[in-house]
Amino acid sequence: MGKRRKGREIVLQSMYASLINGAPLLEVLDDQILQRESAPETAAFARDLAGKVKAHSAEIDRWLRTLVTANWDPDRLGTLEIVILSMGLAELRYSPDVPHPVVINEALELTHRYCEDGAVGFVNGVLDKAAAEVAADHAGSGPENAGEAGGKDREAP
């Protein structure tokens, strides 16, 4: 298993444990990293991703609700699906160095491993739509568009 894939899995499990037992995410994450004796690169990636999810949780939650409301009742989403989607949205929006197809593929691998079969298509659809939005935002953020609705000055969802 690659270092980033393992890091994503650690973040998934840490976020889930944090939601279930109420412990702070970064404490749970550090405990998971220590227990697994993770490679430094894996630990750094996991901390970075968890930090992005935590720092932008309000925006990610709003964005997730917006993405799923058209076709689904957000309250019907399972905890694992929410965690996986939150991680994917955080990477799509706040990790421009990771190609969108990689983010989506990694989220689908986690979904396939941890969720029911039907969740894979749903997660794929939500993240594909989100990736298109991020790409459109980036396309409209050139210097000639700065300050316009799609430009750099626009807040993330």
C-alpha atoms as a PDB file:
ATOM      1  CA  MET A   1       0.000   0.000   0.000  1.00  0.00           C
ATOM      2  CA  GLY A   2       1.380   3.423  -0.941  1.00  0.00           C
ATOM      3  CA  LYS A   3       2.291   5.981   1.703  1.00  0.00           C
ATOM      4  CA  ARG A   4      -0.489   8.389   0.747  1.00  0.00           C
ATOM      5  CA  ARG A   5      -3.093   5.637   0.487  1.00  0.00           C
ATOM      6  CA  LYS A   6      -2.104   4.426   3.941  1.00  0.00           C
ATOM      7  CA  GLY A   7      -2.235   8.032   5.167  1.00  0.00           C
ATOM      8  CA  ARG A   8      -5.761   8.445   3.813  1.00  0.00           C
ATOM      9  CA  GLU A   9      -6.823   5.239   5.496  1.00  0.00           C
ATOM     10  CA  ILE A  10      -5.391   6.445   8.812  1.00  0.00           C
ATOM     11  CA  VAL A  11      -7.245   9.748   8.443  1.00  0.00           C
ATOM     12  CA  LEU A  12     -10.491   7.922   7.614  1.00  0.00           C
ATOM     13  CA  GLN A  13     -10.218   5.709  10.664  1.00  0.00           C
ATOM     14  CA  SER A  14      -9.176   8.612  12.882  1.00  0.00           C
ATOM     15  CA  MET A  15     -12.043  10.826  11.716  1.00  0.00           C
ATOM     16  CA  TYR A  16     -14.510   8.012  12.272  1.00  0.00           C
ATOM     17  CA  ALA A  17     -13.145   7.285  15.760  1.00  0.00           C
ATOM     18  CA  SER A  18     -13.186  10.983  16.602  1.00  0.00           C
ATOM     19  CA  LEU A  19     -16.831  11.279  15.564  1.00  0.00           C
ATOM     20  CA  ILE A  20     -17.819   8.189  17.528  1.00  0.00           C
ATOM     21  CA  ASN A  21     -15.964   8.859  20.778  1.00  0.00           C
ATOM     22  CA  GLY A  22     -15.774  12.655  20.731  1.00  0.00           C
ATOM     23  CA  ALA A  23     -11.997  12.811  21.085  1.00  0.00           C
ATOM     24  CA  PRO A  24     -10.187  15.578  19.184  1.00  0.00           C
ATOM     25  CA  LEU A  25      -9.303  14.469  15.657  1.00  0.00           C
ATOM     26  CA  LEU A  26      -5.627  15.356  15.801  1.00  0.00           C
ATOM     27  CA  GLU A  27      -5.167  13.466  19.087  1.00  0.00           C
ATOM     28  CA  VAL A  28      -6.820  10.365  17.628  1.00  0.00           C
ATOM     29  CA  LEU A  29      -4.726  10.731  14.488  1.00  0.00           C
ATOM     30  CA  ASP A  30      -1.457  10.973  16.425  1.00  0.00           C
ATOM     31  CA  ASP A  31      -2.441   7.885  18.407  1.00  0.00           C
ATOM     32  CA  GLN A  32      -3.216   5.976  15.192  1.00  0.00           C
ATOM     33  CA  ILE A  33       0.067   7.035  13.599  1.00  0.00           C
ATOM     34  CA  LEU A  34       1.998   5.928  16.682  1.00  0.00           C
ATOM     35  CA  GLN A  35       0.175   2.588  16.964  1.00  0.00           C
ATOM     36  CA  ARG A  36       0.837   1.767  13.310  1.00  0.00           C
ATOM     37  CA  GLU A  37       4.444   2.906  13.425  1.00  0.00           C
ATOM     38  CA  SER A  38       3.782   4.833  10.224  1.00  0.00           C
ATOM     39  CA  ALA A  39       6.563   6.012   7.960  1.00  0.00           C
ATOM     40  CA  PRO A  40       7.389   9.720   8.354  1.00  0.00           C
ATOM     41  CA  GLU A  41       5.997  10.495   4.874  1.00  0.00           C
ATOM     42  CA  THR A  42       2.743   8.714   5.691  1.00  0.00           C
ATOM     43  CA  ALA A  43       2.430  10.533   9.009  1.00  0.00           C
ATOM     44  CA  ALA A  44       3.150  13.911   7.410  1.00  0.00           C
ATOM     45  CA  PHE A  45       0.591  13.340   4.666  1.00  0.00           C
ATOM     46  CA  ALA A  46      -2.051  12.143   7.148  1.00  0.00           C
ATOM     47  CA  ARG A  47      -1.476  15.133   9.450  1.00  0.00           C
ATOM     48  CA  ASP A  48      -1.678  17.527   6.501  1.00  0.00           C
ATOM     49  CA  LEU A  49      -4.928  16.029   5.200  1.00  0.00           C
ATOM     50  CA  ALA A  50      -6.532  15.838   8.653  1.00  0.00           C
ATOM     51  CA  GLY A  51      -5.455  19.417   9.313  1.00  0.00           C
ATOM     52  CA  LYS A  52      -7.123  20.583   6.104  1.00  0.00           C
ATOM     53  CA  VAL A  53     -10.335  18.721   6.926  1.00  0.00           C
ATOM     54  CA  LYS A  54     -10.357  20.192  10.443  1.00  0.00           C
ATOM     55  CA  ALA A  55      -9.406  23.746   9.429  1.00  0.00           C
ATOM     56  CA  HIS A  56     -12.036  23.901   6.687  1.00  0.00           C
ATOM     57  CA  SER A  57     -14.734  21.701   8.221  1.00  0.00           C
ATOM     58  CA  ALA A  58     -17.486  24.334   8.098  1.00  0.00           C
ATOM     59  CA  GLU A  59     -16.863  25.093   4.413  1.00  0.00           C
ATOM     60  CA  ILE A  60     -16.556  21.399   3.566  1.00  0.00           C
ATOM     61  CA  ASP A  61     -19.818  20.595   5.382  1.00  0.00           C
ATOM     62  CA  ARG A  62     -21.656  23.364   3.518  1.00  0.00           C
ATOM     63  CA  TRP A  63     -20.187  22.283   0.196  1.00  0.00           C
ATOM     64  CA  LEU A  64     -21.094  18.647   0.826  1.00  0.00           C
ATOM     65  CA  ARG A  65     -24.703  19.580   1.654  1.00  0.00           C
ATOM     66  CA  THR A  66     -24.913  21.667  -1.519  1.00  0.00           C
ATOM     67  CA  LEU A  67     -23.521  18.842  -3.652  1.00  0.00           C
ATOM     68  CA  VAL A  68     -25.843  16.129  -2.360  1.00  0.00           C
ATOM     69  CA  THR A  69     -29.061  18.061  -1.704  1.00  0.00           C
ATOM     70  CA  ALA A  70     -30.133  18.048  -5.355  1.00  0.00           C
ATOM     71  CA  ASN A  71     -30.380  14.260  -5.494  1.00  0.00           C
ATOM     72  CA  TRP A  72     -30.225  13.003  -1.925  1.00  0.00           C
ATOM     73  CA  ASP A  73     -31.234  13.848   1.615  1.00  0.00           C
ATOM     74  CA  PRO A  74     -27.912  14.685   3.339  1.00  0.00           C
ATOM     75  CA  ASP A  75     -29.249  13.311   6.618  1.00  0.00           C
ATOM     76  CA  ARG A  76     -29.423   9.850   5.021  1.00  0.00           C
ATOM     77  CA  LEU A  77     -25.679   9.711   4.380  1.00  0.00           C
ATOM     78  CA  GLY A  78     -23.743   7.188   6.437  1.00  0.00           C
ATOM     79  CA  THR A  79     -20.936   8.331   8.699  1.00  0.00           C
ATOM     80  CA  LEU A  80     -18.253   6.625   6.624  1.00  0.00           C
ATOM     81  CA  GLU A  81     -19.558   8.154   3.411  1.00  0.00           C
ATOM     82  CA  ILE A  82     -19.512  11.597   5.030  1.00  0.00           C
ATOM     83  CA  VAL A  83     -15.946  11.075   6.240  1.00  0.00           C
ATOM     84  CA  ILE A  84     -14.746   9.862   2.830  1.00  0.00           C
ATOM     85  CA  LEU A  85     -16.509  12.682   1.003  1.00  0.00           C
ATOM     86  CA  SER A  86     -15.138  15.262   3.452  1.00  0.00           C
ATOM     87  CA  MET A  87     -11.621  13.981   2.901  1.00  0.00           C
ATOM     88  CA  GLY A  88     -12.090  14.016  -0.866  1.00  0.00           C
ATOM     89  CA  LEU A  89     -13.536  17.513  -0.858  1.00  0.00           C
ATOM     90  CA  ALA A  90     -10.672  18.763   1.306  1.00  0.00           C
ATOM     91  CA  GLU A  91      -8.140  17.304  -1.095  1.00  0.00           C
ATOM     92  CA  LEU A  92      -9.914  18.613  -4.181  1.00  0.00           C
ATOM     93  CA  ARG A  93     -10.142  22.142  -2.812  1.00  0.00           C
ATOM     94  CA  TYR A  94      -7.018  22.504  -0.671  1.00  0.00           C
ATOM     95  CA  SER A  95      -4.428  20.154  -2.226  1.00  0.00           C
ATOM     96  CA  PRO A  96      -3.902  21.504  -5.735  1.00  0.00           C
ATOM     97  CA  ASP A  97      -0.798  19.322  -6.118  1.00  0.00           C
ATOM     98  CA  VAL A  98      -2.925  16.147  -6.116  1.00  0.00           C
ATOM     99  CA  PRO A  99      -4.623  15.519  -9.482  1.00  0.00           C
ATOM    100  CA  HIS A 100      -8.416  15.315  -9.252  1.00  0.00           C
ATOM    101  CA  PRO A 101      -8.620  11.813 -10.778  1.00  0.00           C
ATOM    102  CA  VAL A 102      -6.220  10.573  -8.078  1.00  0.00           C
ATOM    103  CA  VAL A 103      -8.342  12.116  -5.309  1.00  0.00           C
ATOM    104  CA  ILE A 104     -11.490  10.534  -6.715  1.00  0.00           C
ATOM    105  CA  ASN A 105      -9.861   7.137  -7.275  1.00  0.00           C
ATOM    106  CA  GLU A 106      -8.459   7.049  -3.743  1.00  0.00           C
ATOM    107  CA  ALA A 107     -11.856   7.987  -2.284  1.00  0.00           C
ATOM    108  CA  LEU A 108     -13.476   5.224  -4.323  1.00  0.00           C
ATOM    109  CA  GLU A 109     -10.931   2.697  -3.059  1.00  0.00           C
ATOM    110  CA  LEU A 110     -11.763   3.667   0.537  1.00  0.00           C
ATOM    111  CA  THR A 111     -15.484   3.538  -0.222  1.00  0.00           C
ATOM    112  CA  HIS A 112     -15.172   0.124  -1.818  1.00  0.00           C
ATOM    113  CA  ARG A 113     -13.219  -1.159   1.174  1.00  0.00           C
ATOM    114  CA  TYR A 114     -15.302   0.331   3.996  1.00  0.00           C
ATOM    115  CA  CYS A 115     -18.823   0.989   2.688  1.00  0.00           C
ATOM    116  CA  GLU A 116     -21.657  -0.879   1.019  1.00  0.00           C
ATOM    117  CA  ASP A 117     -21.365  -1.490  -2.710  1.00  0.00           C
ATOM    118  CA  GLY A 118     -23.988   1.101  -3.628  1.00  0.00           C
ATOM    119  CA  ALA A 119     -21.973   3.873  -2.009  1.00  0.00           C
ATOM    120  CA  VAL A 120     -19.194   3.724  -4.601  1.00  0.00           C
ATOM    121  CA  GLY A 121     -21.304   5.201  -7.408  1.00  0.00           C
ATOM    122  CA  PHE A 122     -22.701   7.858  -5.114  1.00  0.00           C
ATOM    123  CA  VAL A 123     -19.267   8.958  -3.861  1.00  0.00           C
ATOM    124  CA  ASN A 124     -17.975   8.956  -7.437  1.00  0.00           C
ATOM    125  CA  GLY A 125     -20.829  11.192  -8.603  1.00  0.00           C
ATOM    126  CA  VAL A 126     -20.440  13.681  -5.754  1.00  0.00           C
ATOM    127  CA  LEU A 127     -16.669  13.971  -6.089  1.00  0.00           C
ATOM    128  CA  ASP A 128     -16.840  14.170  -9.888  1.00  0.00           C
ATOM    129  CA  LYS A 129     -19.246  17.094  -9.580  1.00  0.00           C
ATOM    130  CA  ALA A 130     -17.013  18.723  -6.957  1.00  0.00           C
ATOM    131  CA  ALA A 131     -13.920  18.284  -9.133  1.00  0.00           C
ATOM    132  CA  ALA A 132     -15.728  19.986 -12.018  1.00  0.00           C
ATOM    133  CA  GLU A 133     -16.600  22.912  -9.735  1.00  0.00           C
ATOM    134  CA  VAL A 134     -12.998  23.243  -8.536  1.00  0.00           C
ATOM    135  CA  ALA A 135     -11.711  23.076 -12.118  1.00  0.00           C
ATOM    136  CA  ALA A 136     -14.192  25.768 -13.162  1.00  0.00           C
ATOM    137  CA  ASP A 137     -13.120  27.937 -10.213  1.00  0.00           C
ATOM    138  CA  HIS A 138      -9.456  27.531 -11.173  1.00  0.00           C
ATOM    139  CA  ALA A 139     -10.178  28.235 -14.835  1.00  0.00           C
ATOM    140  CA  GLY A 140     -11.828  31.489 -13.830  1.00  0.00           C
ATOM    141  CA  SER A 141      -9.060  32.528 -11.454  1.00  0.00           C
ATOM    142  CA  GLY A 142      -6.548  33.794 -13.974  1.00  0.00           C
ATOM    143  CA  PRO A 143      -5.220  37.346 -13.614  1.00  0.00           C
ATOM    144  CA  GLU A 144      -7.715  38.631 -16.151  1.00  0.00           C
ATOM    145  CA  ASN A 145     -10.585  37.291 -14.000  1.00  0.00           C
ATOM    146  CA  ALA A 146      -9.313  38.198 -10.537  1.00  0.00           C
ATOM    147  CA  GLY A 147     -12.055  39.883  -8.563  1.00  0.00           C
ATOM    148  CA  GLU A 148     -14.856  38.545 -10.750  1.00  0.00           C
ATOM    149  CA  ALA A 149     -17.389  35.970  -9.535  1.00  0.00           C
ATOM    150  CA  GLY A 150     -15.157  33.034 -10.468  1.00  0.00           C
ATOM    151  CA  GLY A 151     -11.856  34.714  -9.608  1.00  0.00           C
ATOM    152  CA  LYS A 152      -9.355  34.445  -6.798  1.00  0.00           C
ATOM    153  CA  ASP A 153     -11.290  36.740  -4.479  1.00  0.00           C
ATOM    154  CA  ARG A 154     -14.196  34.312  -4.311  1.00  0.00           C
ATOM    155  CA  GLU A 155     -14.469  32.369  -1.079  1.00  0.00           C
ATOM    156  CA  ALA A 156     -14.401  28.588  -1.152  1.00  0.00           C
ATOM    157  CA  PRO A 157     -17.784  27.000  -0.568  1.00  0.00           C
END
